[in-house]
Amino acid sequence: MEKVAENILYQEKCFNGEGIPMDDIKGTQIPLGARMLKVVIDFIRFEKQEQSTEKAYSLLEQQRQYYDPKILAAFKESLNIVVEVPTVIIELSKLKENMIINTNLLTTRNQLVARKGQKVTETLLHIIKHCLENKAIKGKVQIIENEE
């Protein structure tokens, strides 16, 4: 019963150390059962507020510093939901480092320049600039909207 009591004691403790009880325990020092309870309890609370599994999970993701990342990932998988990623379409000339491309970027001859999910680097920017100057690519590209 000691382990059960400890899990209940720490069920409101955030993975980053915030929450109760107010002590120095954080991360994987928090009992596994308590970390699991934290995800499930918050999800149920969010689901009641939002009336949607997807929106409730999205709120968990927005506050992911509070949850064990491995438990959160396993919980998402158990829900069998797909969270939509916000995207925007921008001119190729407006691409900047660290943006994430959300569609395959092809030349006019159908050659792959960058693939979906690829992070824009300085080198890739030089390649894209070169392709634009030589009219090998044109137009716009879909990127994952940055949270910053």
N, C-alpha and C. Protein backbone atom coordinates (compact mmCIF):
# COMPACT_ATOMS: atom_id res chain seq x y z
N MET A 1 0.82 -1.20 0.00
CA MET A 1 0.00 0.00 0.00
C MET A 1 0.86 1.26 0.00
N GLU A 2 2.12 1.15 0.40
CA GLU A 2 3.00 2.31 0.41
C GLU A 2 3.17 2.89 -0.98
N LYS A 3 3.37 2.03 -1.97
CA LYS A 3 3.57 2.48 -3.35
C LYS A 3 2.31 3.15 -3.89
N VAL A 4 1.15 2.60 -3.57
CA VAL A 4 -0.12 3.19 -4.00
C VAL A 4 -0.26 4.58 -3.38
N ALA A 5 0.03 4.70 -2.10
CA ALA A 5 -0.06 5.99 -1.41
C ALA A 5 0.91 7.00 -2.03
N GLU A 6 2.11 6.56 -2.38
CA GLU A 6 3.10 7.45 -2.99
C GLU A 6 2.63 7.93 -4.37
N ASN A 7 2.03 7.02 -5.15
CA ASN A 7 1.49 7.41 -6.46
C ASN A 7 0.39 8.45 -6.32
N ILE A 8 -0.48 8.27 -5.34
CA ILE A 8 -1.56 9.23 -5.11
C ILE A 8 -0.99 10.56 -4.64
N LEU A 9 -0.01 10.52 -3.76
CA LEU A 9 0.62 11.74 -3.25
C LEU A 9 1.20 12.58 -4.38
N TYR A 10 1.82 11.94 -5.35
CA TYR A 10 2.53 12.65 -6.43
C TYR A 10 1.72 12.80 -7.72
N GLN A 11 0.43 12.45 -7.73
CA GLN A 11 -0.36 12.48 -8.96
C GLN A 11 -0.53 13.88 -9.56
N GLU A 12 -0.34 14.92 -8.78
CA GLU A 12 -0.44 16.29 -9.30
C GLU A 12 0.94 16.93 -9.50
N LYS A 13 1.99 16.16 -9.32
CA LYS A 13 3.35 16.66 -9.51
C LYS A 13 3.68 16.67 -11.00
N CYS A 14 4.14 17.81 -11.51
CA CYS A 14 4.49 17.93 -12.92
C CYS A 14 5.89 17.38 -13.16
N PHE A 15 6.11 16.88 -14.36
CA PHE A 15 7.39 16.28 -14.74
C PHE A 15 8.54 17.27 -14.56
N ASN A 16 8.27 18.56 -14.74
CA ASN A 16 9.31 19.58 -14.60
C ASN A 16 9.55 19.99 -13.14
N GLY A 17 8.84 19.36 -12.21
CA GLY A 17 9.04 19.62 -10.79
C GLY A 17 8.01 20.55 -10.16
N GLU A 18 7.20 21.20 -10.99
CA GLU A 18 6.16 22.07 -10.47
C GLU A 18 5.03 21.23 -9.88
N GLY A 19 4.21 21.83 -9.07
CA GLY A 19 3.04 21.14 -8.52
C GLY A 19 3.29 20.62 -7.12
N ILE A 20 2.30 19.85 -6.65
CA ILE A 20 2.37 19.33 -5.29
C ILE A 20 2.64 17.84 -5.31
N PRO A 21 3.34 17.36 -4.28
CA PRO A 21 3.87 18.11 -3.15
C PRO A 21 5.04 19.01 -3.57
N MET A 22 5.23 20.07 -2.85
CA MET A 22 6.29 21.03 -3.16
C MET A 22 7.60 20.53 -2.55
N ASP A 23 8.36 19.82 -3.38
CA ASP A 23 9.66 19.30 -2.96
C ASP A 23 10.60 19.31 -4.16
N ASP A 24 11.75 18.71 -4.04
CA ASP A 24 12.74 18.73 -5.12
C ASP A 24 12.61 17.57 -6.10
N ILE A 25 11.60 16.74 -5.93
CA ILE A 25 11.39 15.58 -6.80
C ILE A 25 10.87 16.06 -8.15
N LYS A 26 11.49 15.55 -9.25
CA LYS A 26 11.02 15.88 -10.60
C LYS A 26 11.47 14.80 -11.57
N GLY A 27 10.93 14.89 -12.79
CA GLY A 27 11.31 13.94 -13.84
C GLY A 27 11.02 12.50 -13.46
N THR A 28 11.96 11.64 -13.75
CA THR A 28 11.76 10.20 -13.49
C THR A 28 11.88 9.85 -12.01
N GLN A 29 12.19 10.84 -11.17
CA GLN A 29 12.16 10.60 -9.72
C GLN A 29 10.72 10.48 -9.23
N ILE A 30 9.79 11.07 -9.96
CA ILE A 30 8.37 10.96 -9.62
C ILE A 30 7.96 9.52 -9.90
N PRO A 31 7.23 8.89 -8.98
CA PRO A 31 6.81 7.49 -9.21
C PRO A 31 6.08 7.32 -10.55
N LEU A 32 6.38 6.23 -11.24
CA LEU A 32 5.81 5.96 -12.55
C LEU A 32 4.29 6.05 -12.54
N GLY A 33 3.66 5.43 -11.56
CA GLY A 33 2.19 5.46 -11.47
C GLY A 33 1.66 6.88 -11.36
N ALA A 34 2.35 7.74 -10.62
CA ALA A 34 1.94 9.13 -10.47
C ALA A 34 2.06 9.88 -11.79
N ARG A 35 3.13 9.60 -12.54
CA ARG A 35 3.32 10.25 -13.85
C ARG A 35 2.21 9.83 -14.81
N MET A 36 1.80 8.57 -14.71
CA MET A 36 0.71 8.08 -15.56
C MET A 36 -0.61 8.73 -15.15
N LEU A 37 -0.85 8.80 -13.85
CA LEU A 37 -2.07 9.42 -13.35
C LEU A 37 -2.17 10.88 -13.78
N LYS A 38 -1.06 11.60 -13.73
CA LYS A 38 -1.04 13.01 -14.11
C LYS A 38 -1.57 13.19 -15.54
N VAL A 39 -1.10 12.39 -16.47
CA VAL A 39 -1.54 12.48 -17.86
C VAL A 39 -3.03 12.18 -17.97
N VAL A 40 -3.46 11.09 -17.37
CA VAL A 40 -4.85 10.65 -17.50
C VAL A 40 -5.81 11.62 -16.81
N ILE A 41 -5.49 12.07 -15.62
CA ILE A 41 -6.37 12.99 -14.89
C ILE A 41 -6.51 14.31 -15.65
N ASP A 42 -5.39 14.86 -16.11
CA ASP A 42 -5.46 16.11 -16.86
C ASP A 42 -6.23 15.93 -18.17
N PHE A 43 -6.03 14.80 -18.85
CA PHE A 43 -6.74 14.53 -20.09
C PHE A 43 -8.25 14.49 -19.85
N ILE A 44 -8.67 13.79 -18.83
CA ILE A 44 -10.10 13.69 -18.51
C ILE A 44 -10.67 15.08 -18.21
N ARG A 45 -9.93 15.87 -17.47
CA ARG A 45 -10.37 17.24 -17.16
C ARG A 45 -10.49 18.06 -18.44
N PHE A 46 -9.49 17.99 -19.32
CA PHE A 46 -9.53 18.73 -20.58
C PHE A 46 -10.65 18.23 -21.49
N GLU A 47 -10.86 16.94 -21.51
CA GLU A 47 -11.90 16.37 -22.37
C GLU A 47 -13.28 16.85 -21.95
N LYS A 48 -13.50 16.97 -20.65
CA LYS A 48 -14.78 17.49 -20.15
C LYS A 48 -14.96 18.95 -20.56
N GLN A 49 -13.88 19.72 -20.54
CA GLN A 49 -13.95 21.14 -20.92
C GLN A 49 -14.14 21.30 -22.42
N GLU A 50 -13.42 20.53 -23.21
CA GLU A 50 -13.35 20.71 -24.66
C GLU A 50 -14.36 19.87 -25.45
N GLN A 51 -14.90 18.85 -24.85
CA GLN A 51 -15.87 17.97 -25.51
C GLN A 51 -15.28 17.24 -26.72
N SER A 52 -13.96 17.10 -26.75
CA SER A 52 -13.32 16.45 -27.89
C SER A 52 -12.01 15.81 -27.45
N THR A 53 -11.82 14.57 -27.85
CA THR A 53 -10.58 13.86 -27.54
C THR A 53 -9.38 14.55 -28.16
N GLU A 54 -9.52 14.97 -29.41
CA GLU A 54 -8.42 15.61 -30.12
C GLU A 54 -8.02 16.93 -29.46
N LYS A 55 -9.02 17.75 -29.11
CA LYS A 55 -8.73 19.04 -28.48
C LYS A 55 -8.12 18.83 -27.09
N ALA A 56 -8.62 17.84 -26.36
CA ALA A 56 -8.09 17.56 -25.02
C ALA A 56 -6.63 17.13 -25.12
N TYR A 57 -6.33 16.26 -26.07
CA TYR A 57 -4.94 15.84 -26.23
C TYR A 57 -4.07 17.00 -26.67
N SER A 58 -4.61 17.85 -27.52
CA SER A 58 -3.86 19.02 -27.98
C SER A 58 -3.46 19.92 -26.79
N LEU A 59 -4.33 20.04 -25.81
CA LEU A 59 -4.00 20.82 -24.61
C LEU A 59 -2.87 20.16 -23.83
N LEU A 60 -2.86 18.84 -23.76
CA LEU A 60 -1.75 18.14 -23.12
C LEU A 60 -0.45 18.48 -23.84
N GLU A 61 -0.48 18.43 -25.17
CA GLU A 61 0.71 18.72 -25.97
C GLU A 61 1.20 20.15 -25.75
N GLN A 62 0.28 21.08 -25.62
CA GLN A 62 0.66 22.48 -25.41
C GLN A 62 1.35 22.69 -24.07
N GLN A 63 1.11 21.77 -23.14
CA GLN A 63 1.72 21.87 -21.81
C GLN A 63 2.65 20.68 -21.54
N ARG A 64 3.30 20.20 -22.58
CA ARG A 64 4.07 18.95 -22.49
C ARG A 64 5.19 18.97 -21.46
N GLN A 65 5.63 20.14 -21.02
CA GLN A 65 6.67 20.20 -19.99
C GLN A 65 6.17 19.61 -18.66
N TYR A 66 4.87 19.46 -18.51
CA TYR A 66 4.30 18.92 -17.28
C TYR A 66 4.25 17.39 -17.26
N TYR A 67 4.50 16.75 -18.40
CA TYR A 67 4.29 15.31 -18.51
C TYR A 67 5.56 14.58 -18.95
N ASP A 68 5.66 13.35 -18.50
CA ASP A 68 6.74 12.47 -18.94
C ASP A 68 6.56 12.25 -20.45
N PRO A 69 7.54 12.61 -21.27
CA PRO A 69 7.36 12.50 -22.73
C PRO A 69 7.07 11.08 -23.21
N LYS A 70 7.65 10.08 -22.56
CA LYS A 70 7.40 8.69 -22.98
C LYS A 70 5.96 8.28 -22.66
N ILE A 71 5.47 8.70 -21.51
CA ILE A 71 4.09 8.37 -21.13
C ILE A 71 3.12 9.12 -22.04
N LEU A 72 3.40 10.38 -22.32
CA LEU A 72 2.54 11.17 -23.20
C LEU A 72 2.46 10.54 -24.59
N ALA A 73 3.59 10.09 -25.11
CA ALA A 73 3.61 9.44 -26.44
C ALA A 73 2.83 8.14 -26.43
N ALA A 74 3.00 7.35 -25.38
CA ALA A 74 2.27 6.08 -25.27
C ALA A 74 0.76 6.34 -25.13
N PHE A 75 0.43 7.38 -24.38
CA PHE A 75 -0.98 7.73 -24.20
C PHE A 75 -1.60 8.15 -25.53
N LYS A 76 -0.89 8.95 -26.29
CA LYS A 76 -1.38 9.39 -27.61
C LYS A 76 -1.63 8.17 -28.50
N GLU A 77 -0.68 7.25 -28.49
CA GLU A 77 -0.82 6.04 -29.30
C GLU A 77 -2.04 5.23 -28.86
N SER A 78 -2.28 5.16 -27.56
CA SER A 78 -3.42 4.39 -27.06
C SER A 78 -4.75 5.04 -27.44
N LEU A 79 -4.75 6.36 -27.62
CA LEU A 79 -5.97 7.06 -28.02
C LEU A 79 -6.26 6.88 -29.50
N ASN A 80 -5.21 6.54 -30.26
CA ASN A 80 -5.34 6.33 -31.69
C ASN A 80 -5.89 7.57 -32.41
N ILE A 81 -5.34 8.73 -32.04
CA ILE A 81 -5.76 9.97 -32.68
C ILE A 81 -4.59 10.58 -33.45
N VAL A 82 -4.93 11.39 -34.41
CA VAL A 82 -3.94 12.13 -35.17
C VAL A 82 -4.20 13.61 -34.91
N VAL A 83 -3.21 14.29 -34.37
CA VAL A 83 -3.34 15.71 -34.10
C VAL A 83 -2.88 16.47 -35.33
N GLU A 84 -3.77 17.36 -35.83
CA GLU A 84 -3.41 18.14 -37.01
C GLU A 84 -2.33 19.15 -36.67
N VAL A 85 -1.39 19.29 -37.57
CA VAL A 85 -0.30 20.25 -37.41
C VAL A 85 -0.66 21.49 -38.21
N PRO A 86 -0.63 22.68 -37.56
CA PRO A 86 -0.95 23.89 -38.32
C PRO A 86 0.12 24.19 -39.37
N THR A 87 -0.32 24.50 -40.59
CA THR A 87 0.60 24.79 -41.68
C THR A 87 0.27 26.13 -42.32
N VAL A 88 1.25 26.68 -43.00
CA VAL A 88 1.06 27.90 -43.79
C VAL A 88 1.78 27.71 -45.12
N ILE A 89 1.33 28.45 -46.12
CA ILE A 89 1.97 28.41 -47.42
C ILE A 89 2.70 29.73 -47.61
N ILE A 90 3.99 29.64 -47.97
CA ILE A 90 4.79 30.84 -48.16
C ILE A 90 5.55 30.77 -49.49
N GLU A 91 5.97 31.92 -49.94
CA GLU A 91 6.81 31.98 -51.14
C GLU A 91 8.14 31.28 -50.84
N LEU A 92 8.68 30.57 -51.81
CA LEU A 92 9.97 29.90 -51.62
C LEU A 92 11.06 30.88 -51.19
N SER A 93 11.00 32.08 -51.69
CA SER A 93 12.01 33.09 -51.36
C SER A 93 11.93 33.54 -49.90
N LYS A 94 10.84 33.23 -49.22
CA LYS A 94 10.65 33.62 -47.82
C LYS A 94 11.10 32.54 -46.83
N LEU A 95 11.54 31.39 -47.33
CA LEU A 95 12.00 30.31 -46.45
C LEU A 95 13.16 30.80 -45.60
N LYS A 96 13.18 30.34 -44.34
CA LYS A 96 14.26 30.69 -43.41
C LYS A 96 14.74 29.42 -42.73
N GLU A 97 15.93 29.51 -42.16
CA GLU A 97 16.49 28.37 -41.42
C GLU A 97 15.54 27.93 -40.32
N ASN A 98 15.54 26.62 -40.07
CA ASN A 98 14.77 25.94 -39.02
C ASN A 98 13.29 25.78 -39.32
N MET A 99 12.80 26.32 -40.43
CA MET A 99 11.42 26.04 -40.82
C MET A 99 11.34 24.58 -41.23
N ILE A 100 10.17 23.98 -41.09
CA ILE A 100 9.97 22.58 -41.47
C ILE A 100 9.07 22.54 -42.71
N ILE A 101 9.59 21.94 -43.76
CA ILE A 101 8.84 21.82 -45.01
C ILE A 101 7.81 20.71 -44.87
N ASN A 102 6.56 21.00 -45.25
CA ASN A 102 5.48 20.04 -45.06
C ASN A 102 5.02 19.36 -46.36
N THR A 103 5.71 19.61 -47.45
CA THR A 103 5.43 18.93 -48.72
C THR A 103 6.76 18.68 -49.41
N ASN A 104 6.80 17.68 -50.26
CA ASN A 104 8.01 17.47 -51.05
C ASN A 104 8.21 18.68 -51.96
N LEU A 105 9.43 19.16 -52.03
CA LEU A 105 9.78 20.29 -52.88
C LEU A 105 10.51 19.74 -54.10
N LEU A 106 9.88 19.90 -55.27
CA LEU A 106 10.41 19.32 -56.50
C LEU A 106 10.77 20.42 -57.50
N THR A 107 11.76 20.13 -58.35
CA THR A 107 12.11 21.05 -59.42
C THR A 107 11.08 20.91 -60.54
N THR A 108 11.19 21.78 -61.52
CA THR A 108 10.28 21.70 -62.68
C THR A 108 10.49 20.41 -63.47
N ARG A 109 11.65 19.76 -63.26
CA ARG A 109 11.93 18.47 -63.90
C ARG A 109 11.63 17.29 -62.97
N ASN A 110 10.90 17.58 -61.90
CA ASN A 110 10.45 16.56 -60.96
C ASN A 110 11.59 15.94 -60.13
N GLN A 111 12.65 16.69 -59.90
CA GLN A 111 13.75 16.21 -59.05
C GLN A 111 13.52 16.72 -57.62
N LEU A 112 13.78 15.86 -56.66
CA LEU A 112 13.55 16.21 -55.26
C LEU A 112 14.63 17.17 -54.74
N VAL A 113 14.20 18.30 -54.21
CA VAL A 113 15.10 19.28 -53.60
C VAL A 113 15.07 19.11 -52.08
N ALA A 114 13.87 18.93 -51.54
CA ALA A 114 13.70 18.71 -50.10
C ALA A 114 12.45 17.86 -49.91
N ARG A 115 12.48 17.05 -48.89
CA ARG A 115 11.33 16.17 -48.65
C ARG A 115 10.48 16.66 -47.49
N LYS A 116 9.26 16.20 -47.47
CA LYS A 116 8.31 16.55 -46.41
C LYS A 116 8.93 16.21 -45.06
N GLY A 117 8.84 17.16 -44.12
CA GLY A 117 9.36 16.95 -42.78
C GLY A 117 10.80 17.41 -42.60
N GLN A 118 11.44 17.83 -43.69
CA GLN A 118 12.84 18.26 -43.63
C GLN A 118 12.94 19.66 -43.05
N LYS A 119 13.94 19.84 -42.17
CA LYS A 119 14.22 21.15 -41.59
C LYS A 119 15.09 21.94 -42.56
N VAL A 120 14.76 23.22 -42.73
CA VAL A 120 15.52 24.07 -43.62
C VAL A 120 16.84 24.46 -42.95
N THR A 121 17.93 24.20 -43.65
CA THR A 121 19.27 24.54 -43.16
C THR A 121 19.86 25.62 -44.05
N GLU A 122 20.99 26.16 -43.65
CA GLU A 122 21.68 27.16 -44.45
C GLU A 122 22.03 26.59 -45.82
N THR A 123 22.50 25.36 -45.84
CA THR A 123 22.87 24.71 -47.10
C THR A 123 21.65 24.55 -48.01
N LEU A 124 20.55 24.10 -47.45
CA LEU A 124 19.33 23.94 -48.25
C LEU A 124 18.87 25.30 -48.78
N LEU A 125 18.97 26.34 -47.99
CA LEU A 125 18.61 27.68 -48.47
C LEU A 125 19.44 28.09 -49.68
N HIS A 126 20.73 27.78 -49.66
CA HIS A 126 21.60 28.09 -50.80
C HIS A 126 21.17 27.32 -52.04
N ILE A 127 20.82 26.06 -51.86
CA ILE A 127 20.37 25.23 -52.98
C ILE A 127 19.07 25.80 -53.56
N ILE A 128 18.13 26.14 -52.69
CA ILE A 128 16.84 26.69 -53.13
C ILE A 128 17.06 28.03 -53.85
N LYS A 129 17.91 28.87 -53.29
CA LYS A 129 18.20 30.17 -53.93
C LYS A 129 18.78 29.95 -55.33
N HIS A 130 19.70 29.01 -55.43
CA HIS A 130 20.31 28.69 -56.73
C HIS A 130 19.24 28.21 -57.72
N CYS A 131 18.37 27.31 -57.24
CA CYS A 131 17.30 26.79 -58.09
C CYS A 131 16.34 27.90 -58.53
N LEU A 132 16.02 28.81 -57.63
CA LEU A 132 15.14 29.94 -57.96
C LEU A 132 15.78 30.83 -59.02
N GLU A 133 17.07 31.13 -58.84
CA GLU A 133 17.79 31.98 -59.79
C GLU A 133 17.82 31.36 -61.19
N ASN A 134 17.90 30.04 -61.23
CA ASN A 134 17.96 29.32 -62.51
C ASN A 134 16.60 28.84 -63.00
N LYS A 135 15.56 29.28 -62.31
CA LYS A 135 14.17 28.95 -62.66
C LYS A 135 13.91 27.44 -62.68
N ALA A 136 14.65 26.71 -61.86
CA ALA A 136 14.44 25.27 -61.74
C ALA A 136 13.28 24.96 -60.79
N ILE A 137 12.99 25.91 -59.90
CA ILE A 137 11.82 25.79 -59.03
C ILE A 137 11.15 27.16 -59.00
N LYS A 138 9.87 27.15 -58.64
CA LYS A 138 9.13 28.40 -58.54
C LYS A 138 7.93 28.18 -57.64
N GLY A 139 7.35 29.29 -57.22
CA GLY A 139 6.11 29.20 -56.49
C GLY A 139 6.24 29.23 -54.98
N LYS A 140 5.35 28.49 -54.36
CA LYS A 140 5.21 28.50 -52.91
C LYS A 140 5.44 27.10 -52.34
N VAL A 141 5.59 27.06 -51.02
CA VAL A 141 5.79 25.80 -50.34
C VAL A 141 5.01 25.82 -49.02
N GLN A 142 4.51 24.67 -48.63
CA GLN A 142 3.79 24.56 -47.37
C GLN A 142 4.79 24.23 -46.26
N ILE A 143 4.73 24.98 -45.16
CA ILE A 143 5.60 24.70 -44.02
C ILE A 143 4.75 24.50 -42.78
N ILE A 144 5.33 23.85 -41.79
CA ILE A 144 4.66 23.69 -40.51
C ILE A 144 4.78 25.00 -39.76
N GLU A 145 3.65 25.52 -39.32
CA GLU A 145 3.63 26.81 -38.64
C GLU A 145 4.43 26.72 -37.36
N ASN A 146 5.32 27.67 -37.19
CA ASN A 146 6.20 27.69 -36.03
C ASN A 146 5.42 28.14 -34.80
N GLU A 147 5.71 27.50 -33.64
CA GLU A 147 5.05 27.84 -32.38
C GLU A 147 5.62 29.11 -31.76
N GLU A 148 6.77 29.58 -32.23
CA GLU A 148 7.43 30.73 -31.62
C GLU A 148 6.74 32.02 -31.96
